[in-house]
Amino acid sequence: MSALDVMGLAAGVLFGVGAIAAVIRIIRGPTILDRALATDVLLAIAMCGLAAEMAVNRHTDTLVVLLVLALFAIVGSIAIARFIGKEDES
């Protein structure tokens, strides 16, 4: 097992722990802002995981998936912010 494999495994474990913590925060809440932030964190972890996989395997095959995830993260954050803004006015 090379040093690159060990580093990839360590990164995978840390990304997994972060993802589990984000999912717990999505489930437990308590507010919609907590859930929205945890969803953003989960998307960021997924993007970092894909980027790490691309770096370890030295390819760019999943770059399109990475860009689509970034687009969803931005659009989702904006949509939630607008929803919360309209809710506060009422």
PDB file of N, CA and C in Angstrom:
ATOM      1  N   MET A   1       0.862  -1.170   0.000  1.00  0.00           N
ATOM      2  CA  MET A   1       0.000   0.000   0.000  1.00  0.00           C
ATOM      3  C   MET A   1       0.912   1.238   0.000  1.00  0.00           C
ATOM      4  N   SER A   2       0.723   2.081  -0.999  1.00  0.00           N
ATOM      5  CA  SER A   2       1.580   3.257  -1.124  1.00  0.00           C
ATOM      6  C   SER A   2       1.066   4.397  -0.245  1.00  0.00           C
ATOM      7  N   ALA A   3       1.886   5.428  -0.148  1.00  0.00           N
ATOM      8  CA  ALA A   3       1.514   6.592   0.674  1.00  0.00           C
ATOM      9  C   ALA A   3       0.284   7.283   0.098  1.00  0.00           C
ATOM     10  N   LEU A   4       0.166   7.283  -1.228  1.00  0.00           N
ATOM     11  CA  LEU A   4      -0.997   7.908  -1.864  1.00  0.00           C
ATOM     12  C   LEU A   4      -2.280   7.151  -1.522  1.00  0.00           C
ATOM     13  N   ASP A   5      -2.195   5.833  -1.454  1.00  0.00           N
ATOM     14  CA  ASP A   5      -3.363   5.035  -1.071  1.00  0.00           C
ATOM     15  C   ASP A   5      -3.772   5.306   0.371  1.00  0.00           C
ATOM     16  N   VAL A   6      -2.784   5.440   1.255  1.00  0.00           N
ATOM     17  CA  VAL A   6      -3.074   5.717   2.662  1.00  0.00           C
ATOM     18  C   VAL A   6      -3.723   7.086   2.808  1.00  0.00           C
ATOM     19  N   MET A   7      -3.196   8.076   2.097  1.00  0.00           N
ATOM     20  CA  MET A   7      -3.772   9.421   2.149  1.00  0.00           C
ATOM     21  C   MET A   7      -5.197   9.432   1.579  1.00  0.00           C
ATOM     22  N   GLY A   8      -5.417   8.697   0.511  1.00  0.00           N
ATOM     23  CA  GLY A   8      -6.761   8.600  -0.057  1.00  0.00           C
ATOM     24  C   GLY A   8      -7.735   7.948   0.907  1.00  0.00           C
ATOM     25  N   LEU A   9      -7.283   6.907   1.587  1.00  0.00           N
ATOM     26  CA  LEU A   9      -8.124   6.230   2.571  1.00  0.00           C
ATOM     27  C   LEU A   9      -8.432   7.154   3.747  1.00  0.00           C
ATOM     28  N   ALA A  10      -7.426   7.878   4.217  1.00  0.00           N
ATOM     29  CA  ALA A  10      -7.637   8.811   5.330  1.00  0.00           C
ATOM     30  C   ALA A  10      -8.613   9.917   4.936  1.00  0.00           C
ATOM     31  N   ALA A  11      -8.460  10.439   3.733  1.00  0.00           N
ATOM     32  CA  ALA A  11      -9.381  11.479   3.258  1.00  0.00           C
ATOM     33  C   ALA A  11     -10.796  10.924   3.151  1.00  0.00           C
ATOM     34  N   GLY A  12     -10.931   9.707   2.659  1.00  0.00           N
ATOM     35  CA  GLY A  12     -12.251   9.091   2.551  1.00  0.00           C
ATOM     36  C   GLY A  12     -12.924   8.906   3.899  1.00  0.00           C
ATOM     37  N   VAL A  13     -12.147   8.491   4.892  1.00  0.00           N
ATOM     38  CA  VAL A  13     -12.703   8.316   6.234  1.00  0.00           C
ATOM     39  C   VAL A  13     -13.154   9.661   6.804  1.00  0.00           C
ATOM     40  N   LEU A  14     -12.322  10.693   6.649  1.00  0.00           N
ATOM     41  CA  LEU A  14     -12.684  12.009   7.170  1.00  0.00           C
ATOM     42  C   LEU A  14     -13.894  12.590   6.445  1.00  0.00           C
ATOM     43  N   PHE A  15     -13.962  12.413   5.132  1.00  0.00           N
ATOM     44  CA  PHE A  15     -15.141  12.867   4.394  1.00  0.00           C
ATOM     45  C   PHE A  15     -16.384  12.108   4.854  1.00  0.00           C
ATOM     46  N   GLY A  16     -16.236  10.826   5.119  1.00  0.00           N
ATOM     47  CA  GLY A  16     -17.366  10.032   5.599  1.00  0.00           C
ATOM     48  C   GLY A  16     -17.868  10.492   6.956  1.00  0.00           C
ATOM     49  N   VAL A  17     -16.950  10.787   7.871  1.00  0.00           N
ATOM     50  CA  VAL A  17     -17.336  11.270   9.198  1.00  0.00           C
ATOM     51  C   VAL A  17     -18.047  12.618   9.070  1.00  0.00           C
ATOM     52  N   GLY A  18     -17.518  13.499   8.224  1.00  0.00           N
ATOM     53  CA  GLY A  18     -18.163  14.796   8.013  1.00  0.00           C
ATOM     54  C   GLY A  18     -19.543  14.656   7.402  1.00  0.00           C
ATOM     55  N   ALA A  19     -19.685  13.725   6.465  1.00  0.00           N
ATOM     56  CA  ALA A  19     -20.983  13.512   5.831  1.00  0.00           C
ATOM     57  C   ALA A  19     -22.006  12.967   6.831  1.00  0.00           C
ATOM     58  N   ILE A  20     -21.580  12.058   7.690  1.00  0.00           N
ATOM     59  CA  ILE A  20     -22.487  11.524   8.710  1.00  0.00           C
ATOM     60  C   ILE A  20     -22.933  12.634   9.660  1.00  0.00           C
ATOM     61  N   ALA A  21     -22.003  13.492  10.061  1.00  0.00           N
ATOM     62  CA  ALA A  21     -22.362  14.606  10.941  1.00  0.00           C
ATOM     63  C   ALA A  21     -23.339  15.559  10.254  1.00  0.00           C
ATOM     64  N   ALA A  22     -23.139  15.807   8.961  1.00  0.00           N
ATOM     65  CA  ALA A  22     -24.057  16.687   8.229  1.00  0.00           C
ATOM     66  C   ALA A  22     -25.444  16.056   8.111  1.00  0.00           C
ATOM     67  N   VAL A  23     -25.509  14.768   7.860  1.00  0.00           N
ATOM     68  CA  VAL A  23     -26.809  14.095   7.759  1.00  0.00           C
ATOM     69  C   VAL A  23     -27.532  14.126   9.102  1.00  0.00           C
ATOM     70  N   ILE A  24     -26.793  13.949  10.188  1.00  0.00           N
ATOM     71  CA  ILE A  24     -27.422  14.036  11.514  1.00  0.00           C
ATOM     72  C   ILE A  24     -28.004  15.425  11.728  1.00  0.00           C
ATOM     73  N   ARG A  25     -27.276  16.460  11.322  1.00  0.00           N
ATOM     74  CA  ARG A  25     -27.782  17.830  11.478  1.00  0.00           C
ATOM     75  C   ARG A  25     -28.994  18.066  10.577  1.00  0.00           C
ATOM     76  N   ILE A  26     -29.022  17.466   9.388  1.00  0.00           N
ATOM     77  CA  ILE A  26     -30.193  17.599   8.510  1.00  0.00           C
ATOM     78  C   ILE A  26     -31.412  16.961   9.174  1.00  0.00           C
ATOM     79  N   ILE A  27     -31.224  15.819   9.792  1.00  0.00           N
ATOM     80  CA  ILE A  27     -32.343  15.110  10.417  1.00  0.00           C
ATOM     81  C   ILE A  27     -32.822  15.822  11.683  1.00  0.00           C
ATOM     82  N   ARG A  28     -31.891  16.254  12.522  1.00  0.00           N
ATOM     83  CA  ARG A  28     -32.259  16.812  13.824  1.00  0.00           C
ATOM     84  C   ARG A  28     -32.664  18.277  13.784  1.00  0.00           C
ATOM     85  N   GLY A  29     -32.187  19.027  12.802  1.00  0.00           N
ATOM     86  CA  GLY A  29     -32.596  20.433  12.681  1.00  0.00           C
ATOM     87  C   GLY A  29     -31.946  21.312  13.712  1.00  0.00           C
ATOM     88  N   PRO A  30     -32.627  22.076  14.476  1.00  0.00           N
ATOM     89  CA  PRO A  30     -34.069  22.190  14.653  1.00  0.00           C
ATOM     90  C   PRO A  30     -34.733  23.182  13.691  1.00  0.00           C
ATOM     91  N   THR A  31     -33.957  24.105  13.090  1.00  0.00           N
ATOM     92  CA  THR A  31     -34.583  25.079  12.200  1.00  0.00           C
ATOM     93  C   THR A  31     -34.265  24.751  10.751  1.00  0.00           C
ATOM     94  N   ILE A  32     -34.977  25.399   9.850  1.00  0.00           N
ATOM     95  CA  ILE A  32     -34.742  25.176   8.434  1.00  0.00           C
ATOM     96  C   ILE A  32     -33.376  25.718   8.013  1.00  0.00           C
ATOM     97  N   LEU A  33     -32.885  26.745   8.701  1.00  0.00           N
ATOM     98  CA  LEU A  33     -31.558  27.268   8.386  1.00  0.00           C
ATOM     99  C   LEU A  33     -30.461  26.270   8.764  1.00  0.00           C
ATOM    100  N   ASP A  34     -30.640  25.560   9.872  1.00  0.00           N
ATOM    101  CA  ASP A  34     -29.690  24.507  10.240  1.00  0.00           C
ATOM    102  C   ASP A  34     -29.658  23.420   9.171  1.00  0.00           C
ATOM    103  N   ARG A  35     -30.842  23.037   8.721  1.00  0.00           N
ATOM    104  CA  ARG A  35     -30.925  21.994   7.694  1.00  0.00           C
ATOM    105  C   ARG A  35     -30.331  22.476   6.369  1.00  0.00           C
ATOM    106  N   ALA A  36     -30.566  23.739   6.011  1.00  0.00           N
ATOM    107  CA  ALA A  36     -30.019  24.280   4.759  1.00  0.00           C
ATOM    108  C   ALA A  36     -28.497  24.338   4.817  1.00  0.00           C
ATOM    109  N   LEU A  37     -27.959  24.773   5.941  1.00  0.00           N
ATOM    110  CA  LEU A  37     -26.510  24.835   6.090  1.00  0.00           C
ATOM    111  C   LEU A  37     -25.901  23.439   6.054  1.00  0.00           C
ATOM    112  N   ALA A  38     -26.533  22.480   6.700  1.00  0.00           N
ATOM    113  CA  ALA A  38     -26.031  21.104   6.685  1.00  0.00           C
ATOM    114  C   ALA A  38     -26.087  20.518   5.279  1.00  0.00           C
ATOM    115  N   THR A  39     -27.112  20.872   4.517  1.00  0.00           N
ATOM    116  CA  THR A  39     -27.191  20.413   3.131  1.00  0.00           C
ATOM    117  C   THR A  39     -26.064  21.001   2.301  1.00  0.00           C
ATOM    118  N   ASP A  40     -25.759  22.277   2.509  1.00  0.00           N
ATOM    119  CA  ASP A  40     -24.630  22.894   1.813  1.00  0.00           C
ATOM    120  C   ASP A  40     -23.316  22.217   2.191  1.00  0.00           C
ATOM    121  N   VAL A  41     -23.159  21.906   3.460  1.00  0.00           N
ATOM    122  CA  VAL A  41     -21.945  21.219   3.907  1.00  0.00           C
ATOM    123  C   VAL A  41     -21.853  19.837   3.277  1.00  0.00           C
ATOM    124  N   LEU A  42     -22.974  19.133   3.200  1.00  0.00           N
ATOM    125  CA  LEU A  42     -22.981  17.806   2.594  1.00  0.00           C
ATOM    126  C   LEU A  42     -22.614  17.881   1.115  1.00  0.00           C
ATOM    127  N   LEU A  43     -23.136  18.871   0.409  1.00  0.00           N
ATOM    128  CA  LEU A  43     -22.763  19.043  -0.995  1.00  0.00           C
ATOM    129  C   LEU A  43     -21.284  19.400  -1.131  1.00  0.00           C
ATOM    130  N   ALA A  44     -20.770  20.229  -0.246  1.00  0.00           N
ATOM    131  CA  ALA A  44     -19.349  20.581  -0.288  1.00  0.00           C
ATOM    132  C   ALA A  44     -18.477  19.353  -0.027  1.00  0.00           C
ATOM    133  N   ILE A  45     -18.890  18.506   0.893  1.00  0.00           N
ATOM    134  CA  ILE A  45     -18.145  17.276   1.171  1.00  0.00           C
ATOM    135  C   ILE A  45     -18.167  16.361  -0.050  1.00  0.00           C
ATOM    136  N   ALA A  46     -19.324  16.252  -0.695  1.00  0.00           N
ATOM    137  CA  ALA A  46     -19.413  15.422  -1.899  1.00  0.00           C
ATOM    138  C   ALA A  46     -18.495  15.970  -2.998  1.00  0.00           C
ATOM    139  N   MET A  47     -18.467  17.291  -3.153  1.00  0.00           N
ATOM    140  CA  MET A  47     -17.609  17.888  -4.176  1.00  0.00           C
ATOM    141  C   MET A  47     -16.134  17.666  -3.835  1.00  0.00           C
ATOM    142  N   CYS A  48     -15.770  17.819  -2.572  1.00  0.00           N
ATOM    143  CA  CYS A  48     -14.381  17.583  -2.168  1.00  0.00           C
ATOM    144  C   CYS A  48     -13.999  16.112  -2.351  1.00  0.00           C
ATOM    145  N   GLY A  49     -14.924  15.216  -2.061  1.00  0.00           N
ATOM    146  CA  GLY A  49     -14.668  13.793  -2.268  1.00  0.00           C
ATOM    147  C   GLY A  49     -14.432  13.468  -3.727  1.00  0.00           C
ATOM    148  N   LEU A  50     -15.263  14.045  -4.604  1.00  0.00           N
ATOM    149  CA  LEU A  50     -15.058  13.831  -6.042  1.00  0.00           C
ATOM    150  C   LEU A  50     -13.738  14.417  -6.515  1.00  0.00           C
ATOM    151  N   ALA A  51     -13.404  15.596  -6.020  1.00  0.00           N
ATOM    152  CA  ALA A  51     -12.141  16.224  -6.412  1.00  0.00           C
ATOM    153  C   ALA A  51     -10.947  15.404  -5.911  1.00  0.00           C
ATOM    154  N   ALA A  52     -11.043  14.886  -4.696  1.00  0.00           N
ATOM    155  CA  ALA A  52      -9.958  14.051  -4.171  1.00  0.00           C
ATOM    156  C   ALA A  52      -9.820  12.765  -4.988  1.00  0.00           C
ATOM    157  N   GLU A  53     -10.949  12.185  -5.359  1.00  0.00           N
ATOM    158  CA  GLU A  53     -10.904  10.972  -6.188  1.00  0.00           C
ATOM    159  C   GLU A  53     -10.281  11.261  -7.545  1.00  0.00           C
ATOM    160  N   MET A  54     -10.607  12.420  -8.109  1.00  0.00           N
ATOM    161  CA  MET A  54     -10.005  12.786  -9.396  1.00  0.00           C
ATOM    162  C   MET A  54      -8.502  12.993  -9.248  1.00  0.00           C
ATOM    163  N   ALA A  55      -8.063  13.582  -8.140  1.00  0.00           N
ATOM    164  CA  ALA A  55      -6.634  13.819  -7.934  1.00  0.00           C
ATOM    165  C   ALA A  55      -5.877  12.509  -7.706  1.00  0.00           C
ATOM    166  N   VAL A  56      -6.457  11.612  -6.917  1.00  0.00           N
ATOM    167  CA  VAL A  56      -5.779  10.343  -6.631  1.00  0.00           C
ATOM    168  C   VAL A  56      -5.659   9.496  -7.898  1.00  0.00           C
ATOM    169  N   ASN A  57      -6.729   9.427  -8.673  1.00  0.00           N
ATOM    170  CA  ASN A  57      -6.729   8.595  -9.880  1.00  0.00           C
ATOM    171  C   ASN A  57      -6.247   9.329 -11.124  1.00  0.00           C
ATOM    172  N   ARG A  58      -5.939  10.606 -10.995  1.00  0.00           N
ATOM    173  CA  ARG A  58      -5.379  11.424 -12.071  1.00  0.00           C
ATOM    174  C   ARG A  58      -6.218  11.378 -13.349  1.00  0.00           C
ATOM    175  N   HIS A  59      -7.488  11.783 -13.198  1.00  0.00           N
ATOM    176  CA  HIS A  59      -8.374  11.894 -14.349  1.00  0.00           C
ATOM    177  C   HIS A  59      -9.327  13.058 -14.129  1.00  0.00           C
ATOM    178  N   THR A  60     -10.041  13.425 -15.176  1.00  0.00           N
ATOM    179  CA  THR A  60     -11.027  14.507 -15.087  1.00  0.00           C
ATOM    180  C   THR A  60     -12.392  14.054 -15.593  1.00  0.00           C
ATOM    181  N   ASP A  61     -12.663  12.778 -15.503  1.00  0.00           N
ATOM    182  CA  ASP A  61     -13.920  12.232 -16.031  1.00  0.00           C
ATOM    183  C   ASP A  61     -15.142  12.751 -15.278  1.00  0.00           C
ATOM    184  N   THR A  62     -15.026  13.007 -14.004  1.00  0.00           N
ATOM    185  CA  THR A  62     -16.184  13.428 -13.208  1.00  0.00           C
ATOM    186  C   THR A  62     -16.222  14.934 -12.975  1.00  0.00           C
ATOM    187  N   LEU A  63     -15.493  15.688 -13.779  1.00  0.00           N
ATOM    188  CA  LEU A  63     -15.480  17.134 -13.625  1.00  0.00           C
ATOM    189  C   LEU A  63     -16.861  17.735 -13.889  1.00  0.00           C
ATOM    190  N   VAL A  64     -17.602  17.186 -14.836  1.00  0.00           N
ATOM    191  CA  VAL A  64     -18.941  17.684 -15.140  1.00  0.00           C
ATOM    192  C   VAL A  64     -19.865  17.472 -13.939  1.00  0.00           C
ATOM    193  N   VAL A  65     -19.758  16.330 -13.294  1.00  0.00           N
ATOM    194  CA  VAL A  65     -20.570  16.057 -12.104  1.00  0.00           C
ATOM    195  C   VAL A  65     -20.222  17.053 -11.006  1.00  0.00           C
ATOM    196  N   LEU A  66     -18.957  17.368 -10.863  1.00  0.00           N
ATOM    197  CA  LEU A  66     -18.512  18.341  -9.874  1.00  0.00           C
ATOM    198  C   LEU A  66     -19.107  19.714 -10.145  1.00  0.00           C
ATOM    199  N   LEU A  67     -19.128  20.122 -11.384  1.00  0.00           N
ATOM    200  CA  LEU A  67     -19.700  21.421 -11.745  1.00  0.00           C
ATOM    201  C   LEU A  67     -21.211  21.459 -11.538  1.00  0.00           C
ATOM    202  N   VAL A  68     -21.894  20.373 -11.840  1.00  0.00           N
ATOM    203  CA  VAL A  68     -23.352  20.316 -11.628  1.00  0.00           C
ATOM    204  C   VAL A  68     -23.676  20.375 -10.138  1.00  0.00           C
ATOM    205  N   LEU A  69     -22.898  19.689  -9.316  1.00  0.00           N
ATOM    206  CA  LEU A  69     -23.105  19.764  -7.871  1.00  0.00           C
ATOM    207  C   LEU A  69     -22.897  21.184  -7.359  1.00  0.00           C
ATOM    208  N   ALA A  70     -21.897  21.880  -7.879  1.00  0.00           N
ATOM    209  CA  ALA A  70     -21.663  23.264  -7.475  1.00  0.00           C
ATOM    210  C   ALA A  70     -22.837  24.149  -7.887  1.00  0.00           C
ATOM    211  N   LEU A  71     -23.380  23.910  -9.070  1.00  0.00           N
ATOM    212  CA  LEU A  71     -24.538  24.678  -9.535  1.00  0.00           C
ATOM    213  C   LEU A  71     -25.743  24.438  -8.640  1.00  0.00           C
ATOM    214  N   PHE A  72     -25.997  23.183  -8.286  1.00  0.00           N
ATOM    215  CA  PHE A  72     -27.110  22.876  -7.388  1.00  0.00           C
ATOM    216  C   PHE A  72     -26.923  23.527  -6.025  1.00  0.00           C
ATOM    217  N   ALA A  73     -25.701  23.543  -5.529  1.00  0.00           N
ATOM    218  CA  ALA A  73     -25.441  24.152  -4.227  1.00  0.00           C
ATOM    219  C   ALA A  73     -25.747  25.642  -4.252  1.00  0.00           C
ATOM    220  N   ILE A  74     -25.323  26.325  -5.296  1.00  0.00           N
ATOM    221  CA  ILE A  74     -25.554  27.768  -5.401  1.00  0.00           C
ATOM    222  C   ILE A  74     -27.040  28.068  -5.555  1.00  0.00           C
ATOM    223  N   VAL A  75     -27.687  27.375  -6.479  1.00  0.00           N
ATOM    224  CA  VAL A  75     -29.111  27.623  -6.726  1.00  0.00           C
ATOM    225  C   VAL A  75     -29.941  27.266  -5.492  1.00  0.00           C
ATOM    226  N   GLY A  76     -29.604  26.180  -4.828  1.00  0.00           N
ATOM    227  CA  GLY A  76     -30.340  25.785  -3.626  1.00  0.00           C
ATOM    228  C   GLY A  76     -30.186  26.792  -2.504  1.00  0.00           C
ATOM    229  N   SER A  77     -28.982  27.301  -2.312  1.00  0.00           N
ATOM    230  CA  SER A  77     -28.759  28.300  -1.262  1.00  0.00           C
ATOM    231  C   SER A  77     -29.531  29.579  -1.543  1.00  0.00           C
ATOM    232  N   ILE A  78     -29.536  30.002  -2.781  1.00  0.00           N
ATOM    233  CA  ILE A  78     -30.272  31.213  -3.154  1.00  0.00           C
ATOM    234  C   ILE A  78     -31.776  31.006  -2.964  1.00  0.00           C
ATOM    235  N   ALA A  79     -32.284  29.843  -3.362  1.00  0.00           N
ATOM    236  CA  ALA A  79     -33.713  29.568  -3.220  1.00  0.00           C
ATOM    237  C   ALA A  79     -34.134  29.554  -1.747  1.00  0.00           C
ATOM    238  N   ILE A  80     -33.328  28.945  -0.907  1.00  0.00           N
ATOM    239  CA  ILE A  80     -33.666  28.899   0.513  1.00  0.00           C
ATOM    240  C   ILE A  80     -33.596  30.289   1.126  1.00  0.00           C
ATOM    241  N   ALA A  81     -32.593  31.076   0.749  1.00  0.00           N
ATOM    242  CA  ALA A  81     -32.479  32.441   1.266  1.00  0.00           C
ATOM    243  C   ALA A  81     -33.683  33.286   0.865  1.00  0.00           C
ATOM    244  N   ARG A  82     -34.140  33.137  -0.376  1.00  0.00           N
ATOM    245  CA  ARG A  82     -35.319  33.885  -0.815  1.00  0.00           C
ATOM    246  C   ARG A  82     -36.569  33.423  -0.068  1.00  0.00           C
ATOM    247  N   PHE A  83     -36.677  32.123   0.159  1.00  0.00           N
ATOM    248  CA  PHE A  83     -37.832  31.591   0.888  1.00  0.00           C
ATOM    249  C   PHE A  83     -37.855  32.120   2.320  1.00  0.00           C
ATOM    250  N   ILE A  84     -36.722  32.100   2.970  1.00  0.00           N
ATOM    251  CA  ILE A  84     -36.649  32.593   4.347  1.00  0.00           C
ATOM    252  C   ILE A  84     -36.907  34.097   4.376  1.00  0.00           C
ATOM    253  N   GLY A  85     -36.418  34.828   3.379  1.00  0.00           N
ATOM    254  CA  GLY A  85     -36.656  36.265   3.315  1.00  0.00           C
ATOM    255  C   GLY A  85     -38.137  36.606   3.177  1.00  0.00           C
ATOM    256  N   LYS A  86     -38.850  35.859   2.365  1.00  0.00           N
ATOM    257  CA  LYS A  86     -40.283  36.085   2.204  1.00  0.00           C
ATOM    258  C   LYS A  86     -41.038  35.664   3.453  1.00  0.00           C
ATOM    259  N   GLU A  87     -40.584  34.634   4.134  1.00  0.00           N
ATOM    260  CA  GLU A  87     -41.227  34.166   5.356  1.00  0.00           C
ATOM    261  C   GLU A  87     -41.085  35.191   6.478  1.00  0.00           C
ATOM    262  N   ASP A  88     -39.948  35.881   6.537  1.00  0.00           N
ATOM    263  CA  ASP A  88     -39.718  36.873   7.564  1.00  0.00           C
ATOM    264  C   ASP A  88     -40.598  38.118   7.361  1.00  0.00           C
ATOM    265  N   GLU A  89     -40.941  38.444   6.133  1.00  0.00           N
ATOM    266  CA  GLU A  89     -41.771  39.618   5.849  1.00  0.00           C
ATOM    267  C   GLU A  89     -43.205  39.427   6.312  1.00  0.00           C
ATOM    268  N   SER A  90     -43.667  38.192   6.353  1.00  0.00           N
ATOM    269  CA  SER A  90     -45.065  37.916   6.710  1.00  0.00           C
ATOM    270  C   SER A  90     -45.343  38.097   8.174  1.00  0.00           C
TER     271      SER A  90
END
